[in-house]
Amino acid sequence: MTSSYYVIDSSSLIELHRHNPIDVYPTVWKHIESLIRKGTLAAPKEVLYEILDGDDELGPMGEEAEKTLPRTQ
């Protein structure tokens, strides 16, 4: 059995949020949070910095992800 791992960048998260806000599409965002918790979604550390620098709903998600998000080099 093979495992799937995903790497995401900030523009993907920002565009997803722009067109699918957390409060309107909570299931999509819960799935992303689940991938983060499972360790199957990773991101370069710069992604986290860009998300935390924003002033939208992604900021709190970034703060939570900072604790568990596996980071690429």
N, C-alpha and C. Protein backbone atom coordinates (compact mmCIF):
# COMPACT_ATOMS: atom_id res chain seq x y z
N MET A 1 0.84 -1.18 0.00
CA MET A 1 0.00 0.00 0.00
C MET A 1 0.89 1.24 0.00
N THR A 2 0.60 2.19 -0.85
CA THR A 2 1.37 3.42 -0.88
C THR A 2 0.64 4.51 -0.13
N SER A 3 1.41 5.39 0.46
CA SER A 3 0.83 6.53 1.18
C SER A 3 0.95 7.77 0.31
N SER A 4 -0.03 8.63 0.42
CA SER A 4 0.01 9.87 -0.32
C SER A 4 0.40 11.00 0.61
N TYR A 5 1.29 11.85 0.13
CA TYR A 5 1.70 13.05 0.85
C TYR A 5 1.54 14.22 -0.10
N TYR A 6 1.18 15.36 0.45
CA TYR A 6 0.92 16.54 -0.36
C TYR A 6 1.75 17.71 0.13
N VAL A 7 2.16 18.55 -0.81
CA VAL A 7 2.86 19.79 -0.49
C VAL A 7 2.01 20.91 -1.06
N ILE A 8 1.80 21.95 -0.26
CA ILE A 8 0.93 23.05 -0.68
C ILE A 8 1.68 24.37 -0.57
N ASP A 9 1.31 25.32 -1.40
CA ASP A 9 1.94 26.64 -1.32
C ASP A 9 0.90 27.67 -0.88
N SER A 10 1.38 28.84 -0.53
CA SER A 10 0.48 29.87 0.01
C SER A 10 -0.55 30.34 -1.01
N SER A 11 -0.17 30.44 -2.28
CA SER A 11 -1.13 30.92 -3.27
C SER A 11 -2.31 29.95 -3.40
N SER A 12 -2.06 28.67 -3.24
CA SER A 12 -3.16 27.69 -3.29
C SER A 12 -4.14 27.92 -2.15
N LEU A 13 -3.61 28.13 -0.95
CA LEU A 13 -4.47 28.37 0.21
C LEU A 13 -5.20 29.70 0.10
N ILE A 14 -4.50 30.73 -0.34
CA ILE A 14 -5.11 32.06 -0.46
C ILE A 14 -6.22 32.05 -1.50
N GLU A 15 -5.97 31.44 -2.66
CA GLU A 15 -6.99 31.38 -3.71
C GLU A 15 -8.16 30.50 -3.28
N LEU A 16 -7.87 29.39 -2.61
CA LEU A 16 -8.93 28.54 -2.11
C LEU A 16 -9.82 29.32 -1.15
N HIS A 17 -9.19 30.07 -0.26
CA HIS A 17 -9.95 30.86 0.70
C HIS A 17 -10.74 31.98 0.01
N ARG A 18 -10.16 32.57 -0.99
CA ARG A 18 -10.84 33.66 -1.71
C ARG A 18 -12.13 33.17 -2.37
N HIS A 19 -12.08 31.97 -2.95
CA HIS A 19 -13.24 31.45 -3.68
C HIS A 19 -14.09 30.49 -2.85
N ASN A 20 -13.54 29.98 -1.76
CA ASN A 20 -14.25 29.03 -0.90
C ASN A 20 -13.98 29.40 0.56
N PRO A 21 -14.58 30.46 1.06
CA PRO A 21 -14.29 30.92 2.42
C PRO A 21 -14.57 29.85 3.47
N ILE A 22 -13.83 29.92 4.56
CA ILE A 22 -13.95 28.95 5.63
C ILE A 22 -15.36 28.88 6.17
N ASP A 23 -16.01 30.03 6.34
CA ASP A 23 -17.35 30.04 6.93
C ASP A 23 -18.43 29.53 5.98
N VAL A 24 -18.16 29.51 4.68
CA VAL A 24 -19.14 29.04 3.70
C VAL A 24 -18.91 27.56 3.35
N TYR A 25 -17.64 27.15 3.32
CA TYR A 25 -17.28 25.77 2.96
C TYR A 25 -16.45 25.13 4.07
N PRO A 26 -17.01 24.96 5.26
CA PRO A 26 -16.22 24.43 6.36
C PRO A 26 -15.71 23.01 6.14
N THR A 27 -16.43 22.21 5.37
CA THR A 27 -16.01 20.82 5.15
C THR A 27 -14.67 20.75 4.41
N VAL A 28 -14.50 21.60 3.42
CA VAL A 28 -13.23 21.64 2.67
C VAL A 28 -12.08 21.95 3.63
N TRP A 29 -12.28 22.93 4.48
CA TRP A 29 -11.22 23.37 5.39
C TRP A 29 -10.97 22.35 6.50
N LYS A 30 -12.02 21.68 6.94
CA LYS A 30 -11.84 20.61 7.94
C LYS A 30 -11.01 19.48 7.36
N HIS A 31 -11.21 19.20 6.08
CA HIS A 31 -10.42 18.15 5.41
C HIS A 31 -8.95 18.56 5.34
N ILE A 32 -8.69 19.80 5.02
CA ILE A 32 -7.31 20.29 4.99
C ILE A 32 -6.69 20.19 6.38
N GLU A 33 -7.43 20.61 7.39
CA GLU A 33 -6.93 20.52 8.77
C GLU A 33 -6.66 19.07 9.16
N SER A 34 -7.49 18.16 8.70
CA SER A 34 -7.29 16.74 8.97
C SER A 34 -6.00 16.24 8.33
N LEU A 35 -5.74 16.65 7.10
CA LEU A 35 -4.49 16.26 6.43
C LEU A 35 -3.27 16.79 7.19
N ILE A 36 -3.39 18.00 7.72
CA ILE A 36 -2.29 18.59 8.50
C ILE A 36 -2.07 17.75 9.76
N ARG A 37 -3.14 17.45 10.48
CA ARG A 37 -3.02 16.67 11.72
C ARG A 37 -2.43 15.28 11.47
N LYS A 38 -2.80 14.67 10.34
CA LYS A 38 -2.30 13.33 10.00
C LYS A 38 -0.85 13.36 9.53
N GLY A 39 -0.35 14.56 9.23
CA GLY A 39 1.02 14.67 8.74
C GLY A 39 1.17 14.36 7.27
N THR A 40 0.08 14.39 6.52
CA THR A 40 0.16 14.09 5.09
C THR A 40 0.14 15.34 4.22
N LEU A 41 0.01 16.52 4.84
CA LEU A 41 0.08 17.79 4.12
C LEU A 41 1.25 18.59 4.68
N ALA A 42 2.17 18.92 3.82
CA ALA A 42 3.35 19.68 4.23
C ALA A 42 3.45 20.96 3.42
N ALA A 43 4.25 21.89 3.94
CA ALA A 43 4.44 23.16 3.25
C ALA A 43 5.80 23.73 3.61
N PRO A 44 6.41 24.48 2.69
CA PRO A 44 7.63 25.20 3.05
C PRO A 44 7.33 26.19 4.17
N LYS A 45 8.29 26.47 5.00
CA LYS A 45 8.06 27.37 6.14
C LYS A 45 7.63 28.75 5.68
N GLU A 46 8.02 29.17 4.50
CA GLU A 46 7.61 30.48 3.98
C GLU A 46 6.10 30.57 3.81
N VAL A 47 5.46 29.44 3.51
CA VAL A 47 4.00 29.42 3.38
C VAL A 47 3.37 29.81 4.70
N LEU A 48 3.84 29.23 5.77
CA LEU A 48 3.31 29.55 7.08
C LEU A 48 3.50 31.03 7.40
N TYR A 49 4.67 31.57 7.10
CA TYR A 49 4.92 32.99 7.36
C TYR A 49 3.95 33.87 6.57
N GLU A 50 3.71 33.54 5.31
CA GLU A 50 2.80 34.34 4.49
C GLU A 50 1.37 34.27 5.01
N ILE A 51 0.96 33.10 5.45
CA ILE A 51 -0.39 32.95 5.99
C ILE A 51 -0.53 33.73 7.29
N LEU A 52 0.48 33.64 8.15
CA LEU A 52 0.43 34.35 9.43
C LEU A 52 0.47 35.87 9.24
N ASP A 53 1.10 36.34 8.17
CA ASP A 53 1.18 37.78 7.89
C ASP A 53 -0.15 38.35 7.40
N GLY A 54 -1.02 37.50 6.89
CA GLY A 54 -2.30 37.97 6.36
C GLY A 54 -3.23 38.42 7.47
N ASP A 55 -4.26 39.16 7.09
CA ASP A 55 -5.21 39.66 8.08
C ASP A 55 -6.61 39.09 7.85
N ASP A 56 -6.67 37.83 7.41
CA ASP A 56 -7.96 37.20 7.16
C ASP A 56 -8.12 35.97 8.04
N GLU A 57 -9.10 35.14 7.73
CA GLU A 57 -9.39 33.96 8.52
C GLU A 57 -8.32 32.88 8.44
N LEU A 58 -7.39 33.00 7.50
CA LEU A 58 -6.34 31.99 7.40
C LEU A 58 -5.32 32.12 8.53
N GLY A 59 -5.21 33.30 9.12
CA GLY A 59 -4.25 33.51 10.20
C GLY A 59 -4.39 32.52 11.34
N PRO A 60 -5.59 32.39 11.94
CA PRO A 60 -5.75 31.42 13.02
C PRO A 60 -5.46 29.98 12.58
N MET A 61 -5.83 29.66 11.34
CA MET A 61 -5.53 28.33 10.83
C MET A 61 -4.01 28.13 10.76
N GLY A 62 -3.30 29.18 10.35
CA GLY A 62 -1.85 29.13 10.31
C GLY A 62 -1.23 28.96 11.67
N GLU A 63 -1.80 29.63 12.66
CA GLU A 63 -1.30 29.50 14.03
C GLU A 63 -1.45 28.07 14.52
N GLU A 64 -2.56 27.45 14.22
CA GLU A 64 -2.78 26.05 14.62
C GLU A 64 -1.86 25.13 13.84
N ALA A 65 -1.72 25.39 12.54
CA ALA A 65 -0.88 24.54 11.70
C ALA A 65 0.58 24.63 12.10
N GLU A 66 0.99 25.78 12.63
CA GLU A 66 2.38 25.97 13.03
C GLU A 66 2.82 24.90 14.03
N LYS A 67 1.89 24.41 14.82
CA LYS A 67 2.19 23.40 15.84
C LYS A 67 2.41 22.02 15.23
N THR A 68 1.73 21.74 14.12
CA THR A 68 1.73 20.35 13.61
C THR A 68 2.14 20.19 12.15
N LEU A 69 2.18 21.28 11.39
CA LEU A 69 2.41 21.17 9.94
C LEU A 69 3.84 20.72 9.66
N PRO A 70 3.99 19.54 9.02
CA PRO A 70 5.32 19.14 8.60
C PRO A 70 5.82 20.11 7.55
N ARG A 71 7.07 20.49 7.62
CA ARG A 71 7.61 21.46 6.68
C ARG A 71 8.65 20.81 5.78
N THR A 72 8.64 21.25 4.54
CA THR A 72 9.67 20.79 3.61
C THR A 72 10.92 21.63 3.85
N GLN A 73 12.01 21.21 3.29
CA GLN A 73 13.27 21.96 3.45
C GLN A 73 13.38 23.06 2.43
